[in-house]
PDB file of N, CA and C in Angstrom:
ATOM      1  N   MET A   1     134.113 -34.771 -68.861  1.00  0.00           N
ATOM      2  CA  MET A   1     133.581 -34.897 -67.505  1.00  0.00           C
ATOM      3  C   MET A   1     132.078 -35.278 -67.689  1.00  0.00           C
ATOM      4  N   ILE A   2     131.421 -34.626 -68.446  1.00  0.00           N
ATOM      5  CA  ILE A   2     130.040 -34.967 -68.539  1.00  0.00           C
ATOM      6  C   ILE A   2     129.744 -36.247 -69.224  1.00  0.00           C
ATOM      7  N   LYS A   3     130.714 -36.721 -70.175  1.00  0.00           N
ATOM      8  CA  LYS A   3     130.746 -37.957 -70.644  1.00  0.00           C
ATOM      9  C   LYS A   3     130.939 -39.090 -69.754  1.00  0.00           C
ATOM     10  N   ASN A   4     131.871 -38.763 -68.716  1.00  0.00           N
ATOM     11  CA  ASN A   4     132.148 -39.808 -67.756  1.00  0.00           C
ATOM     12  C   ASN A   4     130.925 -39.903 -66.804  1.00  0.00           C
ATOM     13  N   ALA A   5     130.224 -38.890 -66.524  1.00  0.00           N
ATOM     14  CA  ALA A   5     129.015 -38.837 -65.561  1.00  0.00           C
ATOM     15  C   ALA A   5     127.946 -39.715 -66.263  1.00  0.00           C
ATOM     16  N   LEU A   6     127.679 -39.442 -67.557  1.00  0.00           N
ATOM     17  CA  LEU A   6     126.747 -40.229 -68.315  1.00  0.00           C
ATOM     18  C   LEU A   6     127.030 -41.714 -68.335  1.00  0.00           C
ATOM     19  N   HIS A   7     128.444 -42.021 -68.611  1.00  0.00           N
ATOM     20  CA  HIS A   7     128.759 -43.409 -68.550  1.00  0.00           C
ATOM     21  C   HIS A   7     128.510 -44.014 -67.232  1.00  0.00           C
ATOM     22  N   ILE A   8     128.935 -43.310 -66.089  1.00  0.00           N
ATOM     23  CA  ILE A   8     128.685 -43.904 -64.655  1.00  0.00           C
ATOM     24  C   ILE A   8     127.081 -44.008 -64.499  1.00  0.00           C
ATOM     25  N   SER A   9     126.441 -43.070 -64.929  1.00  0.00           N
ATOM     26  CA  SER A   9     124.951 -43.242 -64.813  1.00  0.00           C
ATOM     27  C   SER A   9     124.439 -44.413 -65.606  1.00  0.00           C
ATOM     28  N   ASN A  10     124.976 -44.636 -66.707  1.00  0.00           N
ATOM     29  CA  ASN A  10     124.504 -45.886 -67.566  1.00  0.00           C
ATOM     30  C   ASN A  10     124.904 -47.091 -66.844  1.00  0.00           C
ATOM     31  N   VAL A  11     126.070 -47.180 -66.287  1.00  0.00           N
ATOM     32  CA  VAL A  11     126.502 -48.281 -65.569  1.00  0.00           C
ATOM     33  C   VAL A  11     125.674 -48.590 -64.419  1.00  0.00           C
ATOM     34  N   ASP A  12     125.397 -47.473 -63.570  1.00  0.00           N
ATOM     35  CA  ASP A  12     124.647 -47.621 -62.455  1.00  0.00           C
ATOM     36  C   ASP A  12     123.203 -48.145 -62.878  1.00  0.00           C
ATOM     37  N   GLY A  13     122.737 -47.679 -63.897  1.00  0.00           N
ATOM     38  CA  GLY A  13     121.384 -48.259 -64.433  1.00  0.00           C
ATOM     39  C   GLY A  13     121.446 -49.508 -64.817  1.00  0.00           C
ATOM     40  N   PHE A  14     122.423 -49.932 -65.351  1.00  0.00           N
ATOM     41  CA  PHE A  14     122.663 -51.401 -65.836  1.00  0.00           C
ATOM     42  C   PHE A  14     122.902 -52.196 -64.661  1.00  0.00           C
ATOM     43  N   GLU A  15     123.615 -51.928 -63.671  1.00  0.00           N
ATOM     44  CA  GLU A  15     123.787 -52.656 -62.457  1.00  0.00           C
ATOM     45  C   GLU A  15     122.447 -52.853 -61.722  1.00  0.00           C
ATOM     46  N   HIS A  16     121.739 -51.748 -61.737  1.00  0.00           N
ATOM     47  CA  HIS A  16     120.456 -51.725 -60.954  1.00  0.00           C
ATOM     48  C   HIS A  16     119.432 -52.841 -61.684  1.00  0.00           C
ATOM     49  N   ALA A  17     119.382 -52.609 -62.972  1.00  0.00           N
ATOM     50  CA  ALA A  17     118.554 -53.505 -63.662  1.00  0.00           C
ATOM     51  C   ALA A  17     119.014 -55.035 -63.453  1.00  0.00           C
ATOM     52  N   ALA A  18     120.323 -55.144 -63.501  1.00  0.00           N
ATOM     53  CA  ALA A  18     120.786 -56.610 -63.428  1.00  0.00           C
ATOM     54  C   ALA A  18     120.459 -57.130 -62.101  1.00  0.00           C
ATOM     55  N   ARG A  19     120.626 -56.367 -60.953  1.00  0.00           N
ATOM     56  CA  ARG A  19     120.433 -56.726 -59.580  1.00  0.00           C
ATOM     57  C   ARG A  19     118.889 -56.956 -59.393  1.00  0.00           C
ATOM     58  N   ALA A  20     118.104 -56.136 -60.138  1.00  0.00           N
ATOM     59  CA  ALA A  20     116.613 -56.414 -59.923  1.00  0.00           C
ATOM     60  C   ALA A  20     116.256 -57.714 -60.563  1.00  0.00           C
ATOM     61  N   THR A  21     116.827 -57.985 -61.776  1.00  0.00           N
ATOM     62  CA  THR A  21     116.582 -59.300 -62.403  1.00  0.00           C
ATOM     63  C   THR A  21     117.123 -60.347 -61.545  1.00  0.00           C
ATOM     64  N   LEU A  22     118.158 -60.296 -60.917  1.00  0.00           N
ATOM     65  CA  LEU A  22     118.637 -61.459 -60.101  1.00  0.00           C
ATOM     66  C   LEU A  22     117.748 -61.701 -58.892  1.00  0.00           C
ATOM     67  N   TYR A  23     117.196 -60.508 -58.285  1.00  0.00           N
ATOM     68  CA  TYR A  23     116.316 -60.696 -57.232  1.00  0.00           C
ATOM     69  C   TYR A  23     115.034 -61.399 -57.570  1.00  0.00           C
ATOM     70  N   LEU A  24     114.572 -61.148 -58.813  1.00  0.00           N
ATOM     71  CA  LEU A  24     113.326 -61.796 -59.330  1.00  0.00           C
ATOM     72  C   LEU A  24     113.542 -63.245 -59.590  1.00  0.00           C
ATOM     73  N   GLU A  25     114.734 -63.614 -60.018  1.00  0.00           N
ATOM     74  CA  GLU A  25     115.086 -64.919 -60.225  1.00  0.00           C
ATOM     75  C   GLU A  25     115.145 -65.546 -58.945  1.00  0.00           C
ATOM     76  N   LEU A  26     115.805 -64.895 -58.008  1.00  0.00           N
ATOM     77  CA  LEU A  26     116.100 -65.654 -56.695  1.00  0.00           C
ATOM     78  C   LEU A  26     114.625 -65.903 -55.960  1.00  0.00           C
ATOM     79  N   GLU A  27     113.698 -64.821 -56.177  1.00  0.00           N
ATOM     80  CA  GLU A  27     112.268 -65.063 -55.605  1.00  0.00           C
ATOM     81  C   GLU A  27     111.557 -66.138 -56.246  1.00  0.00           C
ATOM     82  N   LYS A  28     111.747 -66.323 -57.548  1.00  0.00           N
ATOM     83  CA  LYS A  28     111.073 -67.528 -58.262  1.00  0.00           C
ATOM     84  C   LYS A  28     111.631 -68.750 -57.698  1.00  0.00           C
ATOM     85  N   GLU A  29     112.923 -68.800 -57.524  1.00  0.00           N
ATOM     86  CA  GLU A  29     113.647 -70.066 -57.025  1.00  0.00           C
ATOM     87  C   GLU A  29     113.045 -70.410 -55.551  1.00  0.00           C
ATOM     88  N   ARG A  30     112.970 -69.336 -54.842  1.00  0.00           N
ATOM     89  CA  ARG A  30     112.421 -69.581 -53.469  1.00  0.00           C
ATOM     90  C   ARG A  30     110.998 -70.054 -53.467  1.00  0.00           C
ATOM     91  N   SER A  31     110.209 -69.488 -54.337  1.00  0.00           N
ATOM     92  CA  SER A  31     108.810 -70.032 -54.378  1.00  0.00           C
ATOM     93  C   SER A  31     108.792 -71.393 -54.804  1.00  0.00           C
ATOM     94  N   VAL A  32     109.645 -71.781 -55.854  1.00  0.00           N
ATOM     95  CA  VAL A  32     109.634 -73.129 -56.357  1.00  0.00           C
ATOM     96  C   VAL A  32     109.919 -74.109 -55.234  1.00  0.00           C
ATOM     97  N   ALA A  33     111.128 -73.675 -54.496  1.00  0.00           N
ATOM     98  CA  ALA A  33     111.565 -74.557 -53.373  1.00  0.00           C
ATOM     99  C   ALA A  33     110.467 -74.586 -52.269  1.00  0.00           C
ATOM    100  N   ALA A  34     109.794 -73.591 -52.085  1.00  0.00           N
ATOM    101  CA  ALA A  34     108.723 -73.638 -50.982  1.00  0.00           C
ATOM    102  C   ALA A  34     107.551 -74.541 -51.358  1.00  0.00           C
ATOM    103  N   ASN A  35     107.198 -74.446 -52.742  1.00  0.00           N
ATOM    104  CA  ASN A  35     106.108 -75.362 -53.193  1.00  0.00           C
ATOM    105  C   ASN A  35     106.570 -76.839 -53.096  1.00  0.00           C
ATOM    106  N   ALA A  36     107.836 -77.090 -53.434  1.00  0.00           N
ATOM    107  CA  ALA A  36     108.357 -78.427 -53.412  1.00  0.00           C
ATOM    108  C   ALA A  36     108.386 -78.966 -51.974  1.00  0.00           C
ATOM    109  N   ALA A  37     108.751 -78.097 -51.003  1.00  0.00           N
ATOM    110  CA  ALA A  37     108.685 -78.468 -49.681  1.00  0.00           C
ATOM    111  C   ALA A  37     107.379 -78.766 -49.169  1.00  0.00           C
ATOM    112  N   ASP A  38     106.321 -78.021 -49.640  1.00  0.00           N
ATOM    113  CA  ASP A  38     104.904 -78.249 -49.282  1.00  0.00           C
ATOM    114  C   ASP A  38     104.435 -79.538 -49.801  1.00  0.00           C
ATOM    115  N   GLU A  39     104.706 -79.798 -51.003  1.00  0.00           N
ATOM    116  CA  GLU A  39     104.460 -81.120 -51.675  1.00  0.00           C
ATOM    117  C   GLU A  39     105.207 -82.273 -50.930  1.00  0.00           C
ATOM    118  N   ALA A  40     106.417 -82.118 -50.603  1.00  0.00           N
ATOM    119  CA  ALA A  40     107.073 -83.281 -49.927  1.00  0.00           C
ATOM    120  C   ALA A  40     106.393 -83.518 -48.599  1.00  0.00           C
ATOM    121  N   MET A  41     105.968 -82.431 -47.875  1.00  0.00           N
ATOM    122  CA  MET A  41     105.427 -82.603 -46.495  1.00  0.00           C
ATOM    123  C   MET A  41     104.095 -83.256 -46.666  1.00  0.00           C
ATOM    124  N   THR A  42     103.303 -82.939 -47.679  1.00  0.00           N
ATOM    125  CA  THR A  42     102.080 -83.502 -47.955  1.00  0.00           C
ATOM    126  C   THR A  42     102.097 -85.023 -48.279  1.00  0.00           C
ATOM    127  N   VAL A  43     103.164 -85.373 -49.009  1.00  0.00           N
ATOM    128  CA  VAL A  43     103.401 -86.818 -49.147  1.00  0.00           C
ATOM    129  C   VAL A  43     103.807 -87.452 -47.956  1.00  0.00           C
ATOM    130  N   PHE A  44     104.756 -86.866 -47.228  1.00  0.00           N
ATOM    131  CA  PHE A  44     105.157 -87.488 -45.980  1.00  0.00           C
ATOM    132  C   PHE A  44     104.048 -87.737 -45.001  1.00  0.00           C
ATOM    133  N   LEU A  45     103.116 -86.685 -44.842  1.00  0.00           N
ATOM    134  CA  LEU A  45     102.008 -86.948 -43.940  1.00  0.00           C
ATOM    135  C   LEU A  45     100.921 -88.097 -44.400  1.00  0.00           C
ATOM    136  N   ARG A  46     100.798 -88.006 -45.704  1.00  0.00           N
ATOM    137  CA  ARG A  46      99.949 -89.039 -46.293  1.00  0.00           C
ATOM    138  C   ARG A  46     100.487 -90.500 -46.058  1.00  0.00           C
ATOM    139  N   LEU A  47     101.877 -90.572 -46.185  1.00  0.00           N
ATOM    140  CA  LEU A  47     102.474 -91.911 -45.987  1.00  0.00           C
ATOM    141  C   LEU A  47     102.499 -92.282 -44.498  1.00  0.00           C
ATOM    142  N   GLN A  48     102.564 -91.272 -43.576  1.00  0.00           N
ATOM    143  CA  GLN A  48     102.493 -91.545 -42.155  1.00  0.00           C
ATOM    144  C   GLN A  48     101.109 -92.032 -41.840  1.00  0.00           C
ATOM    145  N   GLU A  49     100.204 -91.464 -42.371  1.00  0.00           N
ATOM    146  CA  GLU A  49      98.626 -92.004 -42.151  1.00  0.00           C
ATOM    147  C   GLU A  49      98.509 -93.373 -42.736  1.00  0.00           C
ATOM    148  N   GLU A  50      99.076 -93.736 -43.872  1.00  0.00           N
ATOM    149  CA  GLU A  50      98.895 -95.064 -44.508  1.00  0.00           C
ATOM    150  C   GLU A  50      99.591 -95.989 -43.577  1.00  0.00           C
ATOM    151  N   LYS A  51     100.836 -95.671 -43.071  1.00  0.00           N
ATOM    152  CA  LYS A  51     101.588 -96.578 -42.188  1.00  0.00           C
ATOM    153  C   LYS A  51     100.847 -96.745 -40.939  1.00  0.00           C
ATOM    154  N   ALA A  52     100.202 -95.758 -40.328  1.00  0.00           N
ATOM    155  CA  ALA A  52      99.420 -96.039 -39.158  1.00  0.00           C
ATOM    156  C   ALA A  52      98.296 -96.917 -39.379  1.00  0.00           C
ATOM    157  N   SER A  53      97.629 -96.773 -40.572  1.00  0.00           N
ATOM    158  CA  SER A  53      96.507 -97.534 -40.873  1.00  0.00           C
ATOM    159  C   SER A  53      96.918 -99.036 -41.045  1.00  0.00           C
ATOM    160  N   ILE A  54      97.930 -99.195 -41.695  1.00  0.00           N
ATOM    161  CA  ILE A  54      98.539-100.450 -41.862  1.00  0.00           C
ATOM    162  C   ILE A  54      98.873-101.168 -40.669  1.00  0.00           C
ATOM    163  N   GLU A  55      99.480-100.438 -39.710  1.00  0.00           N
ATOM    164  CA  GLU A  55      99.887-101.044 -38.433  1.00  0.00           C
ATOM    165  C   GLU A  55      98.613-101.372 -37.729  1.00  0.00           C
ATOM    166  N   THR A  56      97.649-100.538 -37.689  1.00  0.00           N
ATOM    167  CA  THR A  56      96.348-100.826 -36.995  1.00  0.00           C
ATOM    168  C   THR A  56      95.693-102.046 -37.487  1.00  0.00           C
ATOM    169  N   GLU A  57      95.663-102.264 -38.784  1.00  0.00           N
ATOM    170  CA  GLU A  57      94.991-103.326 -39.490  1.00  0.00           C
ATOM    171  C   GLU A  57      95.789-104.623 -39.072  1.00  0.00           C
ATOM    172  N   ALA A  58      97.117-104.626 -38.994  1.00  0.00           N
ATOM    173  CA  ALA A  58      97.977-105.744 -38.802  1.00  0.00           C
ATOM    174  C   ALA A  58      97.822-106.108 -37.389  1.00  0.00           C
ATOM    175  N   LYS A  59      97.672-105.199 -36.374  1.00  0.00           N
ATOM    176  CA  LYS A  59      97.466-105.459 -34.947  1.00  0.00           C
ATOM    177  C   LYS A  59      96.000-106.175 -34.955  1.00  0.00           C
ATOM    178  N   MET A  60      95.044-105.662 -35.549  1.00  0.00           N
ATOM    179  CA  MET A  60      93.828-106.346 -35.551  1.00  0.00           C
ATOM    180  C   MET A  60      93.743-107.750 -36.066  1.00  0.00           C
ATOM    181  N   ASN A  61      94.353-107.819 -37.150  1.00  0.00           N
ATOM    182  CA  ASN A  61      94.512-109.165 -37.750  1.00  0.00           C
ATOM    183  C   ASN A  61      95.270-110.259 -36.879  1.00  0.00           C
ATOM    184  N   PHE A  62      96.189-109.685 -36.162  1.00  0.00           N
ATOM    185  CA  PHE A  62      96.965-110.608 -35.207  1.00  0.00           C
ATOM    186  C   PHE A  62      96.092-110.995 -34.046  1.00  0.00           C
ATOM    187  N   LYS A  63      95.367-109.902 -33.472  1.00  0.00           N
ATOM    188  CA  LYS A  63      94.497-110.312 -32.480  1.00  0.00           C
ATOM    189  C   LYS A  63      93.444-111.415 -32.920  1.00  0.00           C
ATOM    190  N   ARG A  64      92.945-111.114 -34.026  1.00  0.00           N
ATOM    191  CA  ARG A  64      91.799-111.936 -34.592  1.00  0.00           C
ATOM    192  C   ARG A  64      92.374-113.372 -34.790  1.00  0.00           C
ATOM    193  N   GLU A  65      93.554-113.438 -35.318  1.00  0.00           N
ATOM    194  CA  GLU A  65      94.102-114.758 -35.578  1.00  0.00           C
ATOM    195  C   GLU A  65      94.512-115.504 -34.249  1.00  0.00           C
ATOM    196  N   SER A  66      95.005-114.668 -33.258  1.00  0.00           N
ATOM    197  CA  SER A  66      95.356-115.164 -31.918  1.00  0.00           C
ATOM    198  C   SER A  66      94.023-115.727 -31.136  1.00  0.00           C
ATOM    199  N   TRP A  67      92.966-115.053 -31.336  1.00  0.00           N
ATOM    200  CA  TRP A  67      91.671-115.473 -30.701  1.00  0.00           C
ATOM    201  C   TRP A  67      91.253-116.711 -31.394  1.00  0.00           C
ATOM    202  N   TYR A  68      91.433-116.779 -32.732  1.00  0.00           N
ATOM    203  CA  TYR A  68      90.962-117.871 -33.578  1.00  0.00           C
ATOM    204  C   TYR A  68      91.675-119.075 -33.077  1.00  0.00           C
ATOM    205  N   GLN A  69      93.055-119.073 -33.105  1.00  0.00           N
ATOM    206  CA  GLN A  69      93.852-120.149 -32.556  1.00  0.00           C
ATOM    207  C   GLN A  69      93.517-120.543 -31.030  1.00  0.00           C
ATOM    208  N   LEU A  70      93.373-119.581 -30.198  1.00  0.00           N
ATOM    209  CA  LEU A  70      92.932-119.902 -28.952  1.00  0.00           C
ATOM    210  C   LEU A  70      91.552-120.749 -28.772  1.00  0.00           C
ATOM    211  N   THR A  71      90.682-120.228 -29.679  1.00  0.00           N
ATOM    212  CA  THR A  71      89.358-120.833 -29.631  1.00  0.00           C
ATOM    213  C   THR A  71      89.603-122.346 -30.082  1.00  0.00           C
ATOM    214  N   ILE A  72      90.333-122.600 -31.171  1.00  0.00           N
ATOM    215  CA  ILE A  72      90.518-123.933 -31.575  1.00  0.00           C
ATOM    216  C   ILE A  72      91.156-124.760 -30.530  1.00  0.00           C
ATOM    217  N   ILE A  73      92.111-124.330 -29.742  1.00  0.00           N
ATOM    218  CA  ILE A  73      92.837-124.967 -28.712  1.00  0.00           C
ATOM    219  C   ILE A  73      91.772-125.285 -27.492  1.00  0.00           C
ATOM    220  N   VAL A  74      91.055-124.333 -27.206  1.00  0.00           N
ATOM    221  CA  VAL A  74      90.136-124.559 -26.162  1.00  0.00           C
ATOM    222  C   VAL A  74      89.025-125.601 -26.447  1.00  0.00           C
ATOM    223  N   TYR A  75      88.589-125.707 -27.701  1.00  0.00           N
ATOM    224  CA  TYR A  75      87.554-126.701 -28.030  1.00  0.00           C
ATOM    225  C   TYR A  75      88.084-127.893 -28.721  1.00  0.00           C
ATOM    226  N   MET A  76      89.457-128.090 -28.658  1.00  0.00           N
ATOM    227  CA  MET A  76      90.058-129.359 -29.035  1.00  0.00           C
ATOM    228  C   MET A  76      89.789-130.498 -28.127  1.00  0.00           C
ATOM    229  N   ASP A  77      89.905-131.699 -28.709  1.00  0.00           N
ATOM    230  CA  ASP A  77      89.783-132.904 -27.765  1.00  0.00           C
ATOM    231  C   ASP A  77      90.978-132.849 -26.990  1.00  0.00           C
ATOM    232  N   PRO A  78      91.167-133.206 -25.663  1.00  0.00           N
ATOM    233  CA  PRO A  78      92.373-133.303 -24.917  1.00  0.00           C
ATOM    234  C   PRO A  78      93.413-134.109 -25.622  1.00  0.00           C
ATOM    235  N   LYS A  79      93.027-135.289 -26.308  1.00  0.00           N
ATOM    236  CA  LYS A  79      93.994-135.955 -26.843  1.00  0.00           C
ATOM    237  C   LYS A  79      94.815-135.228 -27.992  1.00  0.00           C
ATOM    238  N   ASP A  80      94.056-134.431 -28.633  1.00  0.00           N
ATOM    239  CA  ASP A  80      94.591-133.520 -29.823  1.00  0.00           C
ATOM    240  C   ASP A  80      95.532-132.380 -29.223  1.00  0.00           C
ATOM    241  N   VAL A  81      95.057-131.917 -28.154  1.00  0.00           N
ATOM    242  CA  VAL A  81      95.878-130.853 -27.316  1.00  0.00           C
ATOM    243  C   VAL A  81      97.267-131.409 -27.043  1.00  0.00           C
ATOM    244  N   MET A  82      97.206-132.589 -26.516  1.00  0.00           N
ATOM    245  CA  MET A  82      98.547-133.436 -26.011  1.00  0.00           C
ATOM    246  C   MET A  82      99.261-133.473 -27.372  1.00  0.00           C
ATOM    247  N   TRP A  83      98.734-133.875 -28.554  1.00  0.00           N
ATOM    248  CA  TRP A  83      99.519-134.037 -29.722  1.00  0.00           C
ATOM    249  C   TRP A  83     100.099-132.741 -30.235  1.00  0.00           C
ATOM    250  N   TRP A  84      99.242-131.675 -30.192  1.00  0.00           N
ATOM    251  CA  TRP A  84      99.624-130.332 -30.592  1.00  0.00           C
ATOM    252  C   TRP A  84     100.740-129.778 -29.878  1.00  0.00           C
ATOM    253  N   GLN A  85     100.818-130.148 -28.495  1.00  0.00           N
ATOM    254  CA  GLN A  85     101.841-129.522 -27.630  1.00  0.00           C
ATOM    255  C   GLN A  85     103.206-130.157 -27.951  1.00  0.00           C
ATOM    256  N   ARG A  86     103.208-131.437 -28.569  1.00  0.00           N
ATOM    257  CA  ARG A  86     104.561-132.102 -28.858  1.00  0.00           C
ATOM    258  C   ARG A  86     105.120-131.562 -30.043  1.00  0.00           C
ATOM    259  N   ILE A  87     104.400-130.674 -30.828  1.00  0.00           N
ATOM    260  CA  ILE A  87     105.056-130.268 -32.180  1.00  0.00           C
ATOM    261  C   ILE A  87     105.884-129.112 -31.870  1.00  0.00           C
TER     262      ILE A  87
END
């Protein structure tokens, strides 16, 4: 009977240690996953900022080019404007 009690006690101790080890591993995996998610969000936000910057630059270039072309048309000789409209 005492032998069985000691055996059960050893089994309980082993199960408790195994469970504690599994919880530690789980916590490590959660930490790694949280860090990966933070890094992914950082990259995502940086890419969003880059995209917004590129879009703004493209709009400015388009406006600048449009004004440049309009200026050329306004200052063209009327004969050249007629030729340009036929193209």
